[in-house]
Amino acid sequence: MSGIEFTDANFKTDVLGETGKPVLVDFWAAWCGPCKVQSPIIEEIAKEVGDKVKVGAMDVDAHPNVPQEYAIMSIPTLIIFKNGQPVWRVSGLQQKQAILSELKKAM
């Protein structure tokens, strides 16, 4: 996964502390088949939105605390945060246009 790697250590600063632009977090794991399909879509979105949105991923196995806090039960789960608050959340494989549409609402 290219883009930002969110961790239990940097989540509060890099996601919740971000003001001014939305943050898209892709919760994933290496063993998850749909996550492997979702990942390149998220990378395309990151390139398209440029610096208007912070885009990154969090490996739920390597960093279990934040996913537990947000009750991530299935992956991939995508959450858009705005000013430290989740404004959109969805689980399962998502199409690029649906994600972009939600990001536009959050910008």
Protein backbone atom coordinates (compact mmCIF):
# COMPACT_ATOMS: atom_id res chain seq x y z
CA MET A 1 0.00 0.00 0.00
CA SER A 2 1.43 3.32 -0.96
CA GLY A 3 0.41 6.50 0.77
CA ILE A 4 0.50 7.00 4.49
CA GLU A 5 0.73 4.10 6.87
CA PHE A 6 -1.42 4.84 9.88
CA THR A 7 -0.41 3.13 13.11
CA ASP A 8 -1.67 2.96 16.69
CA ALA A 9 1.14 5.42 17.48
CA ASN A 10 0.45 8.07 14.81
CA PHE A 11 -3.35 7.79 14.43
CA LYS A 12 -4.24 10.47 16.97
CA THR A 13 -1.89 13.01 15.36
CA ASP A 14 -2.16 12.09 11.66
CA VAL A 15 -5.89 11.31 11.50
CA LEU A 16 -7.73 12.81 14.47
CA GLY A 17 -5.43 15.84 14.60
CA GLU A 18 -5.86 16.70 10.91
CA THR A 19 -7.91 19.83 10.41
CA GLY A 20 -8.73 21.44 7.12
CA LYS A 21 -8.94 18.34 4.98
CA PRO A 22 -10.63 14.97 5.19
CA VAL A 23 -8.68 11.80 5.95
CA LEU A 24 -9.55 8.49 4.26
CA VAL A 25 -8.43 5.45 6.25
CA ASP A 26 -8.41 1.98 4.68
CA PHE A 27 -8.43 -0.67 7.42
CA TRP A 28 -6.95 -3.85 5.91
CA ALA A 29 -4.88 -6.99 6.52
CA ALA A 30 -2.40 -8.91 4.36
CA TRP A 31 -4.49 -12.12 4.40
CA CYS A 32 -7.70 -10.36 3.24
CA GLY A 33 -8.60 -11.05 -0.40
CA PRO A 34 -11.02 -8.13 -0.88
CA CYS A 35 -8.43 -5.82 0.74
CA LYS A 36 -5.98 -6.73 -2.04
CA VAL A 37 -8.58 -5.62 -4.59
CA GLN A 38 -9.46 -2.46 -2.63
CA SER A 39 -5.86 -1.32 -2.17
CA PRO A 40 -5.12 -0.31 -5.80
CA ILE A 41 -8.44 1.56 -5.92
CA ILE A 42 -7.42 3.53 -2.82
CA GLU A 43 -4.03 4.25 -4.43
CA GLU A 44 -5.75 5.60 -7.56
CA ILE A 45 -7.96 7.82 -5.40
CA ALA A 46 -4.90 9.12 -3.51
CA LYS A 47 -3.30 10.17 -6.82
CA GLU A 48 -6.51 11.79 -8.06
CA VAL A 49 -7.31 13.84 -4.96
CA GLY A 50 -3.69 14.89 -4.41
CA ASP A 51 -3.18 17.01 -1.32
CA LYS A 52 -6.88 17.87 -0.90
CA VAL A 53 -7.38 14.65 1.10
CA LYS A 54 -4.99 12.69 3.30
CA VAL A 55 -5.19 9.03 2.24
CA GLY A 56 -3.66 6.07 4.01
CA ALA A 57 -4.12 2.59 5.37
CA MET A 58 -3.94 0.80 8.68
CA ASP A 59 -2.97 -2.87 8.99
CA VAL A 60 -5.43 -4.20 11.58
CA ASP A 61 -3.12 -7.08 12.55
CA ALA A 62 -0.03 -4.93 13.12
CA HIS A 63 -1.99 -2.14 14.82
CA PRO A 64 -5.02 -3.63 16.64
CA ASN A 65 -5.82 -0.84 19.14
CA VAL A 66 -7.40 1.75 16.85
CA PRO A 67 -9.46 -0.80 14.88
CA GLN A 68 -10.74 -2.11 18.22
CA GLU A 69 -11.63 1.44 19.32
CA TYR A 70 -13.67 1.92 16.15
CA ALA A 71 -15.23 -1.57 16.33
CA ILE A 72 -13.81 -2.69 12.99
CA MET A 73 -15.39 -6.14 12.65
CA SER A 74 -14.83 -6.81 8.95
CA ILE A 75 -12.29 -5.62 6.44
CA PRO A 76 -11.80 -3.79 4.26
CA THR A 77 -13.47 -0.99 6.18
CA LEU A 78 -13.12 2.57 4.93
CA ILE A 79 -13.69 5.57 7.19
CA ILE A 80 -13.53 9.23 6.22
CA PHE A 81 -12.61 11.50 9.12
CA LYS A 82 -13.22 15.24 9.08
CA ASN A 83 -11.84 17.38 11.91
CA GLY A 84 -11.19 14.24 13.97
CA GLN A 85 -14.70 12.82 13.57
CA PRO A 86 -15.82 9.90 11.39
CA VAL A 87 -18.25 11.28 8.78
CA TRP A 88 -18.59 8.20 6.56
CA ARG A 89 -17.96 4.52 7.13
CA VAL A 90 -18.44 1.45 4.99
CA SER A 91 -17.31 -2.17 5.10
CA GLY A 92 -16.61 -4.42 2.14
CA LEU A 93 -15.16 -3.79 -1.28
CA GLN A 94 -16.14 -0.36 -2.65
CA GLN A 95 -16.12 1.07 -6.16
CA LYS A 96 -13.88 4.05 -6.87
CA GLN A 97 -16.74 6.40 -7.83
CA ALA A 98 -18.66 5.71 -4.62
CA ILE A 99 -15.59 6.57 -2.51
CA LEU A 100 -14.81 9.70 -4.56
CA SER A 101 -18.41 10.85 -4.19
CA GLU A 102 -18.21 10.59 -0.40
CA LEU A 103 -14.82 12.34 -0.34
CA LYS A 104 -16.25 15.25 -2.35
CA LYS A 105 -19.02 15.64 0.24
CA ALA A 106 -16.40 15.77 3.00
CA MET A 107 -14.17 18.35 1.29
